[in-house]
Structures are given as C-alpha cells and as structure tokens.
Amino acid sequence: MSTAQAPDRTNGARPYIVCDNLVKIYKTEDLEVVALQGLDLEVQRGEMMAIIGNSGSGKSSLLNVLGGLDRPTAGQCRVGDLDILQASESDLVDYKRHHVGFVWQQSSRNLVPYLTAFENVRLPMLFGNMRKASDRSRSLLRAVGLEDRMHHRLSQLSGGQQQRVAIAISLANDPDLLLADEPTGEVDTQTAGQIYDILRYLNRERGLTIIIVSHDRNIARQVDRVVAIRDGRTSTETVRRVSIHEDGDDHTHDEFVIVDDTGRLQVPQEMLDQLSIRGRALVDMEGDRIVIRPGASGISTVAASQAAPGPDDGAAESPADQAVVPARVELAQSVVPARRRPAPAPPKPSRPAPEPLKRDRPRDVPDEHQPFAPPSGGDARDD
C-alpha cells in the first residue's frame, strides 16, 4: 500500500489567492451585518478546493469578494496581481470579463431561457468580441458532454444538463479562476457526481483554479482541500489523502484547525458540545500537546466558595477541602466581598472635662459673678 497526498501545485511560488484579516460589512439604513470578521485564506494556483459552512457563516460573501462583485470593507484580498480592495472600477470590469468565471446554484442566474445551449455559451463571447466564438462554443459543450444537445432549448434539457451548460458558459472567457456557488444544490446525487467529474477534469487538464461553496460536508471526497468557515472566520481545514490498495483507492482525510497570526483558533463545535465547554476553559501544556478542559466560570466559583463551611461553622474540613477551599475563598474575596455583619464600632473615648480655673475669689465680687472675675494675682489692669 502506498499513500499519495493531494498534488502540490505551489512550486515554491506565492499563493494565487491571499485573504488576510478580511472584513466585509453590509450596511443598510438602520442595520449593519458583519459577514466576514477577519478571515484568512490562501489558495494555490491550479488547486481545486471547497468552502463549507452553515447558512450565514460568510461563505457566499467570500465568493462575491473573490469574484469582484463586492469590495471588502477592510483587510486584504488579492487574486493574482489584483488587489480587490484598491482596484479601480475599470480594473474590476476587466477582471470579471477575462479572468474569473461563475457558476450559480439557480439556473436562472446562469442561462437565458429563450436561447439554445449553443447560443447561451456563445453570448458572452460575442460581448467580449472573442474570435471564433462558434468553434469555441462547440468545444466547450463537447467538454461538458453536451455535444448532441447543443441546439436544444433549456426547456428540453434536464436540471443536470442545464448546470453543465452553465459550466460551459463560465469557461467562455477562458478564465484562470472558477467560482461555483452550490453547483449541485438542485440536482440528484448521480448528476452531482457527473458535475464533480467535469470540474475535476477541467482542473486537471486545463490547470483551472476552482473554488466550490457548499453545505455538503461529504464534498471532501471530491476536492483536494476543504476549508470550513464559522462566524465569518476560517475554522478548520481538511486535506484529502489517497491510499492506493491492491483492491482500489481508499480516501482518508486529515483535519486541521486554523491558527491565525495572533494565535487565535476555532475549536470544532461538535468537540465543544461533547465536553460541554462554554464560556471559560482551562488550557494546559502536557508534553508537546495543548490540552483544553472545561473550566468553571467565575460566578460558579464564587458561589461555591461562599457556600463552603468556614472555621466558625464548627464543621470539620476534609483534606480535599483544605486544599481547594482556601484558594476559592481568596478568589471570592478578591471578586465579591464576604457578606458578614460588621463588628460594632468601639465607643469613642470621652473627652475629659476641662478643669475649672483656679481663681482666688475677691471678697468684693458677688458669688454669681465669680466665674468672670479676674484672678486676684493682679493680672487685671486699672484703667
């Protein structure tokens, strides 16, 4: 048995697509929706990859930015030599006309209903003044397996055939990048397999870079790499490996979490649910591993410390209580003061009564005037 990983197309070159701290905010009169919150992504030229995530995770917003349909609010988004954020309107028009192709889930966004398959494929070539548009249209329809149906109208084609016509249209301008938003969302499983076969053929034979947006996590068997988006940021990355056995190929997958430049990562939601990790968690180093454990929140820790019996309660403490409770009590005192009845304040010391002035009572002063009489020592001055 031998193991072959997904083909390495880097060749030491810089990535074809770079998204660095990408932010996209949609604004209305009284509402702001943050679709992308600092997303990081790199895609190599000639790679076939998928982006998955729940509804509202930001994957379609990312596709619109990569296709030049929307400008990012902040961050960097570069496709080849084009900076999507800083590009002029004329540069974006040229990029959409000659360098990128789209395949949408709804056939109404891809096709003109009253034209034949051949006319639909040739239409964008006529707008682009491409030479030999008819010959190229026939070649593209043969590439997607519709050579015998090219002159049929859309009402005469099945949903899978219409989607193959849409793929041919997306290749009309001979793009370097193909963006497919749920290309198999409206077809059955067998037809979806045929569409993926066509996309893999185009990727392998033409070196076309393909990014597929999907809800289906089983798409990992169809592409080289899967990047999951959650809450507008890249969460995990799955790389496909093919193990070649005597009785056939066996596909295995390695899943990685994405760590950005600041050390942030998103732990898969199913792992958090399994361990009931909410709010705070404990992170430890064990050898060469980082271990995440559920941790009690500060409120529950304080409540536990206040409920612990104190030495005044007359309850005997176990050794475990002696090891844990003091630390909790210290935390509690630093966060919430202990609710104890304040001790009565000591009585204020009474001030000693002033001693009465010792005066010699003059014989000629009445008794009621004695407190005001000057001493007889002669301090009084004669006027």
Protein backbone atom coordinates (compact mmCIF):
# COMPACT_ATOMS: atom_id res chain seq x y z
CA MET A 1 0.00 0.00 0.00
CA SER A 2 1.25 3.49 -0.77
CA THR A 3 -0.13 6.85 0.26
CA ALA A 4 -0.41 9.83 -2.08
CA GLN A 5 -1.44 13.24 -0.87
CA ALA A 6 -3.21 15.90 -2.89
CA PRO A 7 -0.93 17.23 -5.64
CA ASP A 8 1.36 20.03 -4.55
CA ARG A 9 0.95 22.89 -7.00
CA THR A 10 2.90 25.52 -5.06
CA ASN A 11 6.27 25.06 -6.80
CA GLY A 12 7.69 27.49 -4.28
CA ALA A 13 5.59 30.32 -5.72
CA ARG A 14 3.46 32.68 -3.71
CA PRO A 15 -0.24 31.79 -3.31
CA TYR A 16 -2.56 32.71 -6.15
CA ILE A 17 -5.25 33.97 -3.74
CA VAL A 18 -4.47 35.64 -0.40
CA CYS A 19 -7.08 36.87 2.06
CA ASP A 20 -5.56 38.49 5.15
CA ASN A 21 -7.79 39.70 8.01
CA LEU A 22 -10.61 40.16 5.50
CA VAL A 23 -13.66 42.07 6.74
CA LYS A 24 -16.96 42.60 4.90
CA ILE A 25 -19.80 44.63 6.43
CA TYR A 26 -23.13 45.11 4.68
CA LYS A 27 -24.88 48.33 5.66
CA THR A 28 -28.48 49.42 5.29
CA GLU A 29 -30.22 52.49 6.64
CA ASP A 30 -30.52 51.20 10.19
CA LEU A 31 -28.62 47.89 10.21
CA GLU A 32 -25.07 46.61 9.85
CA VAL A 33 -24.33 42.94 9.15
CA VAL A 34 -20.76 41.73 9.64
CA ALA A 35 -20.42 38.88 7.13
CA LEU A 36 -16.64 38.37 7.33
CA GLN A 37 -14.75 39.02 10.55
CA GLY A 38 -11.01 38.89 9.92
CA LEU A 39 -10.94 35.87 7.58
CA ASP A 40 -7.57 34.43 6.48
CA LEU A 41 -7.24 32.18 3.43
CA GLU A 42 -4.59 31.12 0.92
CA VAL A 43 -5.26 29.24 -2.32
CA GLN A 44 -2.58 27.94 -4.66
CA ARG A 45 -2.83 28.28 -8.43
CA GLY A 46 -4.37 25.19 -10.01
CA GLU A 47 -5.95 23.99 -6.76
CA MET A 48 -9.44 22.52 -6.50
CA MET A 49 -10.88 23.27 -3.07
CA ALA A 50 -14.19 23.71 -1.30
CA ILE A 51 -15.52 26.14 1.30
CA ILE A 52 -18.21 24.81 3.61
CA GLY A 53 -20.24 26.31 6.45
CA ASN A 54 -23.72 26.83 7.77
CA SER A 55 -26.07 29.45 6.39
CA GLY A 56 -24.90 32.92 7.39
CA SER A 57 -21.31 31.83 8.01
CA GLY A 58 -19.97 34.15 5.30
CA LYS A 59 -19.01 31.72 2.53
CA SER A 60 -21.14 33.33 -0.20
CA SER A 61 -19.89 36.77 0.85
CA LEU A 62 -16.34 35.50 0.43
CA LEU A 63 -17.19 34.22 -3.05
CA ASN A 64 -18.63 37.61 -4.05
CA VAL A 65 -15.47 39.36 -2.87
CA LEU A 66 -13.18 36.91 -4.70
CA GLY A 67 -15.23 37.39 -7.86
CA GLY A 68 -15.02 41.18 -7.74
CA LEU A 69 -18.77 41.56 -7.22
CA ASP A 70 -18.28 43.16 -3.78
CA ARG A 71 -15.41 45.15 -2.36
CA PRO A 72 -14.17 44.18 1.10
CA THR A 73 -14.64 46.66 3.92
CA ALA A 74 -11.15 46.17 5.35
CA GLY A 75 -8.20 43.82 5.21
CA GLN A 76 -6.51 42.41 2.12
CA CYS A 77 -7.88 40.34 -0.76
CA ARG A 78 -5.50 39.65 -3.62
CA VAL A 79 -6.14 37.44 -6.65
CA GLY A 80 -3.02 37.11 -8.75
CA ASP A 81 -1.70 40.67 -9.08
CA LEU A 82 -5.07 42.32 -8.47
CA ASP A 83 -5.86 43.92 -5.10
CA ILE A 84 -9.66 43.73 -4.90
CA LEU A 85 -9.86 46.46 -2.23
CA GLN A 86 -7.69 49.02 -4.04
CA ALA A 87 -8.54 48.18 -7.67
CA SER A 88 -10.23 50.76 -9.87
CA GLU A 89 -13.62 50.13 -11.41
CA SER A 90 -12.10 49.57 -14.85
CA ASP A 91 -9.68 47.00 -13.40
CA LEU A 92 -12.55 45.13 -11.76
CA VAL A 93 -14.51 45.12 -15.03
CA ASP A 94 -11.52 43.68 -16.87
CA TYR A 95 -11.01 41.09 -14.13
CA LYS A 96 -14.62 39.89 -14.26
CA ARG A 97 -14.63 39.87 -18.05
CA HIS A 98 -11.40 37.94 -18.67
CA HIS A 99 -10.10 36.24 -15.51
CA VAL A 100 -12.95 34.77 -13.45
CA GLY A 101 -15.99 32.62 -14.22
CA PHE A 102 -19.13 31.97 -12.13
CA VAL A 103 -21.47 29.03 -11.71
CA TRP A 104 -24.54 29.73 -9.59
CA GLN A 105 -26.93 27.30 -7.95
CA GLN A 106 -30.03 28.76 -9.61
CA SER A 107 -30.08 28.14 -13.36
CA SER A 108 -31.96 31.41 -13.88
CA ARG A 109 -28.76 33.29 -12.92
CA ASN A 110 -26.68 31.35 -15.44
CA LEU A 111 -28.85 30.98 -18.53
CA VAL A 112 -31.11 32.92 -20.87
CA PRO A 113 -34.24 30.75 -21.09
CA TYR A 114 -35.28 31.51 -24.69
CA LEU A 115 -31.82 30.69 -26.18
CA THR A 116 -30.41 27.27 -27.05
CA ALA A 117 -27.46 25.80 -25.17
CA PHE A 118 -25.14 26.79 -28.02
CA GLU A 119 -26.45 30.36 -28.09
CA ASN A 120 -26.13 30.70 -24.32
CA VAL A 121 -22.47 29.71 -24.42
CA ARG A 122 -21.67 31.93 -27.41
CA LEU A 123 -23.41 35.02 -25.97
CA PRO A 124 -20.65 36.18 -23.57
CA MET A 125 -18.06 35.64 -26.32
CA LEU A 126 -19.93 38.00 -28.61
CA PHE A 127 -19.96 40.68 -25.89
CA GLY A 128 -16.23 40.15 -25.42
CA ASN A 129 -15.51 40.30 -29.17
CA MET A 130 -13.79 36.92 -29.00
CA ARG A 131 -12.72 35.37 -32.29
CA LYS A 132 -14.05 32.01 -33.41
CA ALA A 133 -16.85 32.18 -30.87
CA SER A 134 -18.85 29.44 -32.61
CA ASP A 135 -15.96 26.97 -32.69
CA ARG A 136 -15.13 27.63 -29.06
CA SER A 137 -18.78 27.22 -28.01
CA ARG A 138 -18.95 23.79 -29.64
CA SER A 139 -15.65 22.81 -28.00
CA LEU A 140 -16.87 23.78 -24.53
CA LEU A 141 -20.19 21.94 -24.92
CA ARG A 142 -18.25 18.83 -26.01
CA ALA A 143 -16.07 19.21 -22.90
CA VAL A 144 -19.13 19.03 -20.63
CA GLY A 145 -20.70 16.14 -22.56
CA LEU A 146 -23.46 18.03 -24.39
CA GLU A 147 -22.30 17.81 -27.99
CA ASP A 148 -25.57 16.16 -29.04
CA ARG A 149 -27.75 18.61 -27.11
CA MET A 150 -26.21 21.94 -28.01
CA HIS A 151 -29.11 23.12 -30.18
CA HIS A 152 -31.81 22.28 -27.64
CA ARG A 153 -33.60 24.96 -25.70
CA LEU A 154 -33.46 24.97 -21.92
CA SER A 155 -36.98 23.56 -21.60
CA GLN A 156 -35.71 20.46 -23.42
CA LEU A 157 -32.79 19.93 -21.01
CA SER A 158 -32.77 18.35 -17.57
CA GLY A 159 -31.54 20.19 -14.49
CA GLY A 160 -28.16 18.47 -14.64
CA GLN A 161 -27.78 19.30 -18.33
CA GLN A 162 -28.64 22.93 -17.67
CA GLN A 163 -25.97 23.07 -14.97
CA ARG A 164 -23.43 21.63 -17.42
CA VAL A 165 -24.37 24.37 -19.85
CA ALA A 166 -23.73 26.85 -17.03
CA ILE A 167 -20.25 25.39 -16.53
CA ALA A 168 -19.55 25.81 -20.24
CA ILE A 169 -20.70 29.45 -20.03
CA SER A 170 -18.39 30.08 -17.08
CA LEU A 171 -15.47 28.93 -19.26
CA ALA A 172 -16.42 31.12 -22.21
CA ASN A 173 -13.89 33.85 -21.33
CA ASP A 174 -11.11 31.28 -20.70
CA PRO A 175 -10.76 32.26 -17.03
CA ASP A 176 -7.97 31.45 -14.58
CA LEU A 177 -10.41 31.10 -11.66
CA LEU A 178 -13.78 29.34 -11.49
CA LEU A 179 -16.14 30.12 -8.59
CA ALA A 180 -19.06 27.74 -8.07
CA ASP A 181 -21.76 28.55 -5.53
CA GLU A 182 -23.64 25.32 -4.66
CA PRO A 183 -23.33 23.95 -8.22
CA THR A 184 -25.02 20.65 -7.25
CA GLY A 185 -27.66 22.03 -4.90
CA GLU A 186 -30.60 21.43 -7.28
CA VAL A 187 -29.64 18.09 -8.83
CA ASP A 188 -29.74 14.47 -7.68
CA THR A 189 -26.74 12.56 -6.33
CA GLN A 190 -25.88 10.85 -9.61
CA THR A 191 -25.97 14.10 -11.57
CA ALA A 192 -23.92 15.81 -8.84
CA GLY A 193 -21.24 13.15 -9.31
CA GLN A 194 -21.15 13.88 -13.05
CA ILE A 195 -20.76 17.62 -12.40
CA TYR A 196 -17.87 17.00 -9.99
CA ASP A 197 -16.24 14.73 -12.59
CA ILE A 198 -16.39 17.57 -15.13
CA LEU A 199 -14.91 20.06 -12.66
CA ARG A 200 -12.06 17.67 -11.79
CA TYR A 201 -11.37 17.17 -15.49
CA LEU A 202 -11.18 20.93 -16.06
CA ASN A 203 -8.92 21.32 -13.04
CA ARG A 204 -6.57 18.54 -14.12
CA GLU A 205 -6.45 19.13 -17.89
CA ARG A 206 -6.64 22.92 -18.03
CA GLY A 207 -4.96 23.83 -14.72
CA LEU A 208 -8.07 25.76 -13.71
CA THR A 209 -8.24 27.01 -10.11
CA ILE A 210 -11.66 26.03 -8.74
CA ILE A 211 -13.34 27.12 -5.51
CA ILE A 212 -16.66 25.46 -4.66
CA VAL A 213 -19.02 26.72 -1.94
CA SER A 214 -21.22 24.02 -0.44
CA HIS A 215 -23.25 22.94 2.60
CA ASP A 216 -22.37 19.29 1.97
CA ARG A 217 -19.51 18.07 4.18
CA ASN A 218 -19.15 14.96 2.01
CA ILE A 219 -17.63 17.16 -0.66
CA ALA A 220 -14.25 16.34 0.91
CA ARG A 221 -14.13 13.23 -1.31
CA GLN A 222 -14.44 15.39 -4.43
CA VAL A 223 -11.76 18.04 -3.82
CA ASP A 224 -8.18 18.30 -2.58
CA ARG A 225 -8.89 20.55 0.39
CA VAL A 226 -11.89 21.75 2.39
CA VAL A 227 -11.91 24.95 4.45
CA ALA A 228 -14.74 25.40 6.95
CA ILE A 229 -15.97 28.90 7.82
CA ARG A 230 -17.75 29.74 11.05
CA ASP A 231 -18.93 33.19 12.11
CA GLY A 232 -17.08 34.89 9.27
CA ARG A 233 -13.67 33.35 10.00
CA THR A 234 -11.84 30.24 8.82
CA SER A 235 -12.32 27.47 11.38
CA THR A 236 -10.87 24.16 10.17
CA GLU A 237 -9.09 22.79 7.12
CA THR A 238 -9.38 19.21 5.82
CA VAL A 239 -6.79 17.78 3.41
CA ARG A 240 -7.57 14.64 1.41
CA ARG A 241 -5.09 11.79 1.19
CA VAL A 242 -5.47 8.86 -1.19
CA SER A 243 -4.18 5.46 -0.05
CA ILE A 244 -3.69 3.10 -3.00
CA HIS A 245 -4.55 -0.54 -2.18
CA GLU A 246 -4.47 -3.57 -4.38
CA ASP A 247 -8.26 -3.66 -4.38
CA GLY A 248 -8.70 0.04 -5.11
CA ASP A 249 -8.20 3.53 -3.73
CA ASP A 250 -9.05 4.48 -0.16
CA HIS A 251 -9.61 8.13 0.70
CA THR A 252 -8.66 9.42 4.14
CA HIS A 253 -8.74 12.96 5.46
CA ASP A 254 -6.67 14.96 7.93
CA GLU A 255 -8.49 17.81 9.66
CA PHE A 256 -6.58 20.82 10.96
CA VAL A 257 -7.68 23.89 12.88
CA ILE A 258 -6.56 27.25 11.54
CA VAL A 259 -4.31 29.34 13.80
CA ASP A 260 -4.02 32.97 12.69
CA ASP A 261 -1.09 35.34 13.18
CA THR A 262 -2.32 36.38 16.64
CA GLY A 263 -2.68 32.80 17.90
CA ARG A 264 -6.48 32.64 17.67
CA LEU A 265 -8.20 29.41 16.62
CA GLN A 266 -11.71 27.97 16.49
CA VAL A 267 -12.26 24.59 18.12
CA PRO A 268 -14.77 22.42 16.19
CA GLN A 269 -18.26 22.95 17.57
CA GLU A 270 -19.00 19.25 17.98
CA MET A 271 -15.98 18.88 20.30
CA LEU A 272 -17.13 21.81 22.42
CA ASP A 273 -20.64 20.32 22.65
CA GLN A 274 -19.32 16.90 23.59
CA LEU A 275 -17.30 18.31 26.50
CA SER A 276 -19.90 20.96 27.42
CA ILE A 277 -17.31 23.72 27.17
CA ARG A 278 -18.96 27.13 27.48
CA GLY A 279 -17.59 30.49 28.48
CA ARG A 280 -14.24 29.75 30.09
CA ALA A 281 -11.91 26.80 29.52
CA LEU A 282 -8.63 25.60 31.02
CA VAL A 283 -5.66 25.36 28.65
CA ASP A 284 -2.63 23.32 29.75
CA MET A 285 0.60 22.05 28.25
CA GLU A 286 1.17 18.30 28.52
CA GLY A 287 4.47 17.48 26.88
CA ASP A 288 4.16 18.53 23.24
CA ARG A 289 0.37 18.85 23.40
CA ILE A 290 -2.05 21.64 24.26
CA VAL A 291 -5.00 20.32 26.26
CA ILE A 292 -8.32 22.18 26.63
CA ARG A 293 -10.59 21.25 29.54
CA PRO A 294 -13.93 22.61 30.72
CA GLY A 295 -13.49 25.26 33.39
CA ALA A 296 -15.98 26.64 35.91
CA SER A 297 -16.97 30.22 35.32
CA GLY A 298 -16.08 32.92 37.80
CA ILE A 299 -19.67 33.18 39.08
CA SER A 300 -19.94 29.50 39.94
CA THR A 301 -16.51 29.54 41.61
CA VAL A 302 -17.50 32.47 43.80
CA ALA A 303 -20.80 30.83 44.69
CA ALA A 304 -19.00 27.62 45.66
CA SER A 305 -16.55 29.49 47.83
CA GLN A 306 -19.30 31.32 49.69
CA ALA A 307 -21.14 28.04 50.28
CA ALA A 308 -18.04 26.34 51.70
CA PRO A 309 -18.15 25.98 55.51
CA GLY A 310 -15.80 28.20 57.40
CA PRO A 311 -13.90 27.51 60.59
CA ASP A 312 -16.54 29.35 62.63
CA ASP A 313 -19.25 26.95 61.50
CA GLY A 314 -17.89 24.11 63.58
CA ALA A 315 -17.77 21.71 60.56
CA ALA A 316 -14.71 19.51 60.15
CA GLU A 317 -12.84 20.10 56.90
CA SER A 318 -11.56 17.22 54.84
CA PRO A 319 -8.03 17.31 53.37
CA ALA A 320 -9.56 17.95 49.95
CA ASP A 321 -11.46 20.93 51.33
CA GLN A 322 -8.31 22.25 52.90
CA ALA A 323 -6.53 22.02 49.53
CA VAL A 324 -9.22 23.66 47.44
CA VAL A 325 -11.33 25.94 49.58
CA PRO A 326 -8.62 28.44 50.66
CA ALA A 327 -7.82 29.24 47.02
CA ARG A 328 -11.52 29.66 46.23
CA VAL A 329 -12.04 31.85 49.25
CA GLU A 330 -9.12 34.00 48.20
CA LEU A 331 -10.62 34.37 44.73
CA ALA A 332 -14.00 35.15 46.19
CA GLN A 333 -12.60 37.84 48.46
CA SER A 334 -10.86 39.42 45.50
CA VAL A 335 -14.06 39.49 43.49
CA VAL A 336 -17.02 39.67 45.88
CA PRO A 337 -16.60 40.88 49.49
CA ALA A 338 -17.74 38.40 52.11
CA ARG A 339 -21.18 39.20 53.46
CA ARG A 340 -20.53 39.45 57.20
CA ARG A 341 -22.22 41.61 59.76
CA PRO A 342 -19.77 44.36 60.58
CA ALA A 343 -18.45 44.35 64.14
CA PRO A 344 -19.83 47.14 66.31
CA ALA A 345 -17.61 50.16 66.30
CA PRO A 346 -15.75 50.75 69.59
CA PRO A 347 -17.17 53.63 71.65
CA LYS A 348 -15.49 56.91 71.08
CA PRO A 349 -13.34 57.94 74.04
CA SER A 350 -14.97 60.74 76.03
CA ARG A 351 -13.02 63.91 76.26
CA PRO A 352 -12.01 64.83 79.82
CA ALA A 353 -13.92 67.74 81.26
CA PRO A 354 -11.85 70.90 81.44
CA GLU A 355 -10.58 71.67 84.87
CA PRO A 356 -12.10 74.80 86.37
CA LEU A 357 -9.87 77.80 86.54
CA LYS A 358 -8.37 78.18 89.89
CA ARG A 359 -9.03 81.70 90.92
CA ASP A 360 -8.85 83.48 94.24
CA ARG A 361 -12.23 84.85 94.92
CA PRO A 362 -12.06 88.58 95.64
CA ARG A 363 -14.07 89.48 98.67
CA ASP A 364 -15.82 92.34 96.91
CA VAL A 365 -17.25 90.26 93.93
CA PRO A 366 -20.69 88.71 94.32
CA ASP A 367 -20.93 84.94 94.17
CA GLU A 368 -22.82 84.86 90.82
CA HIS A 369 -20.04 86.89 89.16
CA GLN A 370 -17.15 84.81 90.43
CA PRO A 371 -16.60 82.85 87.11
CA PHE A 372 -15.97 86.13 85.32
CA ALA A 373 -13.84 87.78 87.94
CA PRO A 374 -10.11 88.20 87.20
CA PRO A 375 -7.64 86.43 89.43
CA SER A 376 -6.52 88.26 92.45
CA GLY A 377 -2.92 87.93 91.36
CA GLY A 378 -3.12 91.33 89.74
CA ASP A 379 -3.49 90.40 86.05
CA ALA A 380 -6.33 92.90 85.77
CA ARG A 381 -5.23 96.26 84.55
CA ASP A 382 -6.51 99.51 86.15
CA ASP A 383 -7.92 101.91 83.64
